[in-house]
């Protein structure tokens, strides 16, 4: 089991950071795995004790770097394995947060996980060291917020693409892309090009990922909800449509996926 805590950032940082979180757990053997379905999130994660282990389809498990930068996952295929005493500190960014703060071309890190310092430079090494020196979650948030504040002045200004991406995220992907293009005063082609660069996926793909992630979160919180009911709520034509989408984004049926996710329970504090 994981114990999970999360906190919203200081209001001055909400344009680039969605939340901070920590996970703690202990696993005596690498026997519990979690499938990595496609998902929209981009984050930086510090492993304070043992790292996670990641398996590509058909390959063995390998330990992650001690501080990893992860882009949006556009397709399934990997699994996470847990072994030993685990404690993580995670910065989850807004849809365009990494691009705005660091100028990272998001197409370069989509479907990838990298040693964070190799991508973002030595300043991330200083952040990692500061996070490790702190003894609790609140202290880690405080040093991270100071580090992020120092970089805000150099961030790319907020623009129409940032607002469109936030709207898609807040709606769980349930806004027509044509309406978003009209709101942004960009052509559909311009919006797609900018979205790829700043988010790492096309608006259409990102909307699918947001809708799928929102649906799974509702199902995890309400395990008695039927898939047919959820399919209707989230705008799928029918349950068969939802099953096809889940196979595309997770490589398995909805029920098989949720059972594998729930095999590693989480207690939120």
Protein backbone atom coordinates (compact mmCIF):
# COMPACT_ATOMS: atom_id res chain seq x y z
CA UNK A 1 0.00 0.00 0.00
CA UNK A 2 1.02 3.57 -0.66
CA UNK A 3 0.26 6.46 1.66
CA UNK A 4 -0.31 9.52 -0.49
CA UNK A 5 -0.38 13.23 0.30
CA UNK A 6 -0.77 16.15 -2.06
CA UNK A 7 -0.79 19.94 -1.81
CA UNK A 8 -1.67 22.75 -4.18
CA UNK A 9 1.16 25.21 -4.87
CA UNK A 10 1.34 28.83 -3.79
CA UNK A 11 -1.10 30.91 -5.91
CA UNK A 12 1.82 32.61 -7.68
CA UNK A 13 2.85 29.20 -9.07
CA UNK A 14 -0.50 27.78 -10.14
CA UNK A 15 0.05 28.84 -13.77
CA UNK A 16 2.96 26.38 -14.05
CA UNK A 17 2.48 23.80 -11.26
CA UNK A 18 -0.65 21.71 -10.71
CA UNK A 19 0.30 20.07 -7.41
CA UNK A 20 2.98 18.58 -5.20
CA UNK A 21 2.64 15.04 -3.89
CA UNK A 22 4.46 12.37 -1.91
CA UNK A 23 4.08 8.60 -1.80
CA UNK A 24 5.36 6.23 0.86
CA UNK A 25 5.24 2.44 0.84
CA UNK A 26 7.16 -0.74 1.48
CA UNK A 27 7.27 -3.81 -0.81
CA UNK A 28 9.26 -6.87 0.21
CA UNK A 29 9.58 -8.26 -3.33
CA UNK A 30 9.28 -7.07 -6.90
CA UNK A 31 5.99 -8.92 -7.27
CA UNK A 32 3.55 -6.02 -7.38
CA UNK A 33 3.41 -4.18 -10.68
CA UNK A 34 1.24 -1.41 -12.06
CA UNK A 35 0.55 -0.98 -15.78
CA UNK A 36 1.31 2.44 -17.18
CA UNK A 37 -1.66 3.47 -19.29
CA UNK A 38 -1.55 6.52 -21.54
CA UNK A 39 -1.98 9.68 -19.44
CA UNK A 40 -1.54 13.45 -19.89
CA UNK A 41 0.61 14.28 -16.87
CA UNK A 42 4.14 15.72 -16.99
CA UNK A 43 6.18 15.74 -13.80
CA UNK A 44 9.54 15.76 -12.05
CA UNK A 45 9.98 13.10 -9.39
CA UNK A 46 12.67 12.60 -6.73
CA UNK A 47 13.14 9.12 -5.25
CA UNK A 48 14.16 9.73 -1.67
CA UNK A 49 14.81 6.07 -0.85
CA UNK A 50 14.54 3.21 -3.35
CA UNK A 51 13.72 4.07 -6.98
CA UNK A 52 10.83 2.66 -8.96
CA UNK A 53 11.58 -0.04 -11.52
CA UNK A 54 10.23 0.32 -15.07
CA UNK A 55 9.67 -2.46 -17.58
CA UNK A 56 9.22 -1.98 -21.31
CA UNK A 57 6.92 -4.51 -22.97
CA UNK A 58 8.88 -7.74 -23.35
CA UNK A 59 11.95 -6.44 -21.52
CA UNK A 60 13.19 -6.70 -17.94
CA UNK A 61 12.81 -4.14 -15.15
CA UNK A 62 15.39 -1.38 -14.72
CA UNK A 63 15.70 1.19 -11.93
CA UNK A 64 14.77 4.79 -12.72
CA UNK A 65 17.23 7.67 -12.20
CA UNK A 66 17.14 9.15 -8.70
CA UNK A 67 15.51 12.32 -10.10
CA UNK A 68 13.45 11.77 -13.22
CA UNK A 69 11.65 14.04 -15.69
CA UNK A 70 8.61 12.39 -17.26
CA UNK A 71 6.64 13.65 -20.24
CA UNK A 72 3.04 12.84 -21.18
CA UNK A 73 2.51 9.17 -22.01
CA UNK A 74 0.73 8.83 -25.36
CA UNK A 75 0.54 5.04 -25.55
CA UNK A 76 0.72 2.04 -23.18
CA UNK A 77 3.41 -0.61 -22.97
CA UNK A 78 5.43 -0.09 -19.77
CA UNK A 79 4.88 -1.32 -16.23
CA UNK A 80 6.06 -0.05 -12.85
CA UNK A 81 7.54 -2.40 -10.28
CA UNK A 82 7.97 -1.59 -6.58
CA UNK A 83 10.66 -3.01 -4.32
CA UNK A 84 11.92 -1.99 -0.89
CA UNK A 85 11.18 1.18 1.05
CA UNK A 86 9.77 3.83 -1.28
CA UNK A 87 9.34 7.54 -0.72
CA UNK A 88 8.81 9.95 -3.59
CA UNK A 89 8.42 13.71 -3.95
CA UNK A 90 6.67 14.80 -7.13
CA UNK A 91 6.12 18.13 -8.89
CA UNK A 92 3.24 17.76 -11.31
CA UNK A 93 3.24 20.57 -13.87
CA UNK A 94 0.39 22.30 -15.64
CA UNK A 95 -0.09 21.19 -19.29
CA UNK A 96 2.38 23.79 -20.58
CA UNK A 97 4.32 24.30 -17.34
CA UNK A 98 7.56 22.62 -18.39
CA UNK A 99 7.57 24.39 -21.73
CA UNK A 100 6.96 27.80 -20.16
CA UNK A 101 9.52 27.42 -17.38
CA UNK A 102 12.36 25.70 -19.22
CA UNK A 103 11.66 25.99 -22.95
CA UNK A 104 11.57 22.20 -23.25
CA UNK A 105 10.24 21.00 -26.65
CA UNK A 106 7.58 18.66 -25.31
CA UNK A 107 7.68 16.43 -28.37
CA UNK A 108 11.21 15.49 -27.23
CA UNK A 109 10.04 14.07 -23.90
CA UNK A 110 6.58 12.69 -24.76
CA UNK A 111 6.50 8.94 -23.99
CA UNK A 112 9.92 9.28 -22.32
CA UNK A 113 11.52 9.51 -18.90
CA UNK A 114 14.94 11.11 -18.47
CA UNK A 115 17.47 11.90 -15.81
CA UNK A 116 16.14 15.37 -14.94
CA UNK A 117 19.54 17.05 -14.70
CA UNK A 118 20.49 15.81 -18.17
CA UNK A 119 17.51 17.68 -19.64
CA UNK A 120 17.10 20.72 -17.39
CA UNK A 121 20.69 21.35 -16.31
CA UNK A 122 22.66 21.58 -13.09
CA UNK A 123 20.08 23.76 -11.35
CA UNK A 124 17.89 20.65 -11.03
CA UNK A 125 20.74 18.93 -9.20
CA UNK A 126 20.70 21.77 -6.67
CA UNK A 127 16.93 21.37 -6.26
CA UNK A 128 17.26 17.62 -5.75
CA UNK A 129 19.92 18.14 -3.07
CA UNK A 130 17.74 20.73 -1.30
CA UNK A 131 14.72 18.41 -1.37
CA UNK A 132 16.79 15.56 0.09
CA UNK A 133 18.00 17.75 2.95
CA UNK A 134 14.45 18.42 4.13
CA UNK A 135 12.92 15.93 6.52
CA UNK A 136 9.21 16.36 5.74
CA UNK A 137 6.76 17.05 2.93
CA UNK A 138 6.08 20.66 3.87
CA UNK A 139 9.79 21.48 3.97
CA UNK A 140 10.29 19.94 0.53
CA UNK A 141 7.43 21.99 -0.85
CA UNK A 142 8.91 25.17 0.63
CA UNK A 143 12.36 24.73 -0.93
CA UNK A 144 10.82 23.72 -4.26
CA UNK A 145 8.53 26.74 -4.35
CA UNK A 146 11.50 29.06 -3.72
CA UNK A 147 13.38 27.35 -6.55
CA UNK A 148 10.41 27.71 -8.90
CA UNK A 149 9.81 31.34 -7.93
CA UNK A 150 13.39 32.12 -8.97
CA UNK A 151 12.59 30.81 -12.46
CA UNK A 152 9.23 32.46 -12.97
CA UNK A 153 10.72 35.75 -14.19
CA UNK A 154 12.30 33.92 -17.13
CA UNK A 155 9.19 31.92 -18.01
CA UNK A 156 7.51 32.37 -21.38
CA UNK A 157 4.49 34.67 -20.97
CA UNK A 158 1.06 33.07 -20.67
CA UNK A 159 -0.70 32.93 -24.04
CA UNK A 160 -3.73 31.45 -25.81
CA UNK A 161 -2.31 27.93 -26.06
CA UNK A 162 -1.72 27.82 -22.31
CA UNK A 163 -5.33 28.84 -21.67
CA UNK A 164 -6.66 26.28 -24.16
CA UNK A 165 -4.61 23.49 -22.56
CA UNK A 166 -5.85 24.43 -19.08
CA UNK A 167 -9.46 24.45 -20.32
CA UNK A 168 -9.03 20.97 -21.78
CA UNK A 169 -7.52 19.72 -18.52
CA UNK A 170 -10.22 21.27 -16.33
CA UNK A 171 -13.03 19.91 -18.52
CA UNK A 172 -11.60 16.40 -18.58
CA UNK A 173 -11.19 16.69 -22.33
CA UNK A 174 -14.88 17.37 -22.91
CA UNK A 175 -14.71 20.52 -25.03
CA UNK A 176 -14.91 20.59 -28.81
CA UNK A 177 -11.50 21.33 -30.34
CA UNK A 178 -13.11 23.62 -32.92
CA UNK A 179 -14.51 25.77 -30.09
CA UNK A 180 -11.07 25.95 -28.48
CA UNK A 181 -9.43 27.03 -31.73
CA UNK A 182 -12.01 29.79 -32.10
CA UNK A 183 -11.39 30.97 -28.53
CA UNK A 184 -7.64 31.06 -29.11
CA UNK A 185 -7.84 33.15 -32.32
CA UNK A 186 -5.62 30.52 -33.96
CA UNK A 187 -6.37 28.37 -36.96
CA UNK A 188 -6.79 24.64 -36.30
CA UNK A 189 -3.39 24.04 -37.91
CA UNK A 190 -1.67 26.73 -35.82
CA UNK A 191 -3.24 25.39 -32.64
CA UNK A 192 -2.12 21.85 -33.45
CA UNK A 193 1.48 22.93 -34.16
CA UNK A 194 1.77 25.01 -30.98
CA UNK A 195 0.06 22.35 -28.88
CA UNK A 196 2.51 19.70 -30.02
CA UNK A 197 5.47 21.91 -29.11
CA UNK A 198 4.15 23.11 -25.73
CA UNK A 199 2.13 20.11 -24.50
CA UNK A 200 3.61 17.15 -26.38
CA UNK A 201 0.42 15.91 -28.05
CA UNK A 202 -2.16 17.18 -30.50
CA UNK A 203 -5.25 18.80 -28.92
CA UNK A 204 -7.34 15.81 -30.00
CA UNK A 205 -4.96 13.28 -28.41
CA UNK A 206 -4.61 15.38 -25.28
CA UNK A 207 -8.40 15.61 -24.93
CA UNK A 208 -8.62 11.81 -25.15
CA UNK A 209 -5.95 11.41 -22.46
CA UNK A 210 -7.67 13.89 -20.14
CA UNK A 211 -11.07 12.24 -20.58
CA UNK A 212 -9.61 8.78 -19.96
CA UNK A 213 -7.71 9.89 -16.85
CA UNK A 214 -10.79 11.65 -15.46
CA UNK A 215 -12.94 8.55 -16.03
CA UNK A 216 -10.45 6.25 -14.30
CA UNK A 217 -10.23 8.58 -11.32
CA UNK A 218 -14.01 8.57 -10.92
CA UNK A 219 -14.08 4.76 -11.18
CA UNK A 220 -11.34 4.40 -8.56
CA UNK A 221 -13.23 6.64 -6.14
CA UNK A 222 -16.58 4.93 -6.85
CA UNK A 223 -15.90 1.21 -7.54
CA UNK A 224 -19.63 0.41 -7.66
CA UNK A 225 -20.22 2.61 -10.71
CA UNK A 226 -20.88 0.56 -13.86
CA UNK A 227 -18.77 0.99 -16.95
CA UNK A 228 -21.92 1.61 -19.00
CA UNK A 229 -22.88 4.47 -16.67
CA UNK A 230 -19.39 5.95 -16.86
CA UNK A 231 -19.31 5.61 -20.63
CA UNK A 232 -22.48 7.70 -20.88
CA UNK A 233 -21.23 10.31 -18.40
CA UNK A 234 -17.93 10.81 -20.21
CA UNK A 235 -19.36 11.08 -23.70
CA UNK A 236 -18.64 7.63 -25.14
CA UNK A 237 -21.18 6.33 -27.65
CA UNK A 238 -21.65 3.17 -25.60
CA UNK A 239 -19.73 0.70 -23.43
CA UNK A 240 -18.20 -0.94 -26.51
CA UNK A 241 -16.72 2.43 -27.48
CA UNK A 242 -15.21 2.75 -23.99
CA UNK A 243 -13.73 -0.76 -24.23
CA UNK A 244 -12.10 0.07 -27.57
CA UNK A 245 -10.68 3.31 -26.15
CA UNK A 246 -9.31 1.51 -23.09
CA UNK A 247 -7.63 -1.11 -25.24
CA UNK A 248 -6.07 1.67 -27.31
CA UNK A 249 -4.85 3.72 -24.33
CA UNK A 250 -4.11 0.94 -21.83
CA UNK A 251 -3.76 -2.29 -23.81
CA UNK A 252 -6.44 -4.11 -21.79
CA UNK A 253 -10.14 -4.02 -20.96
CA UNK A 254 -11.48 -1.43 -18.47
CA UNK A 255 -12.12 -4.05 -15.78
CA UNK A 256 -8.69 -5.67 -16.18
CA UNK A 257 -7.05 -2.25 -15.97
CA UNK A 258 -8.88 -1.08 -12.87
CA UNK A 259 -8.19 -4.36 -11.05
CA UNK A 260 -4.46 -4.03 -11.80
CA UNK A 261 -4.45 -0.41 -10.64
CA UNK A 262 -6.28 -1.32 -7.45
CA UNK A 263 -3.81 -4.14 -6.75
CA UNK A 264 -1.56 -1.40 -5.31
CA UNK A 265 -4.02 0.40 -3.00
CA UNK A 266 -3.48 3.99 -1.95
CA UNK A 267 -4.50 5.65 1.29
CA UNK A 268 -4.84 9.40 0.87
CA UNK A 269 -3.89 11.52 3.86
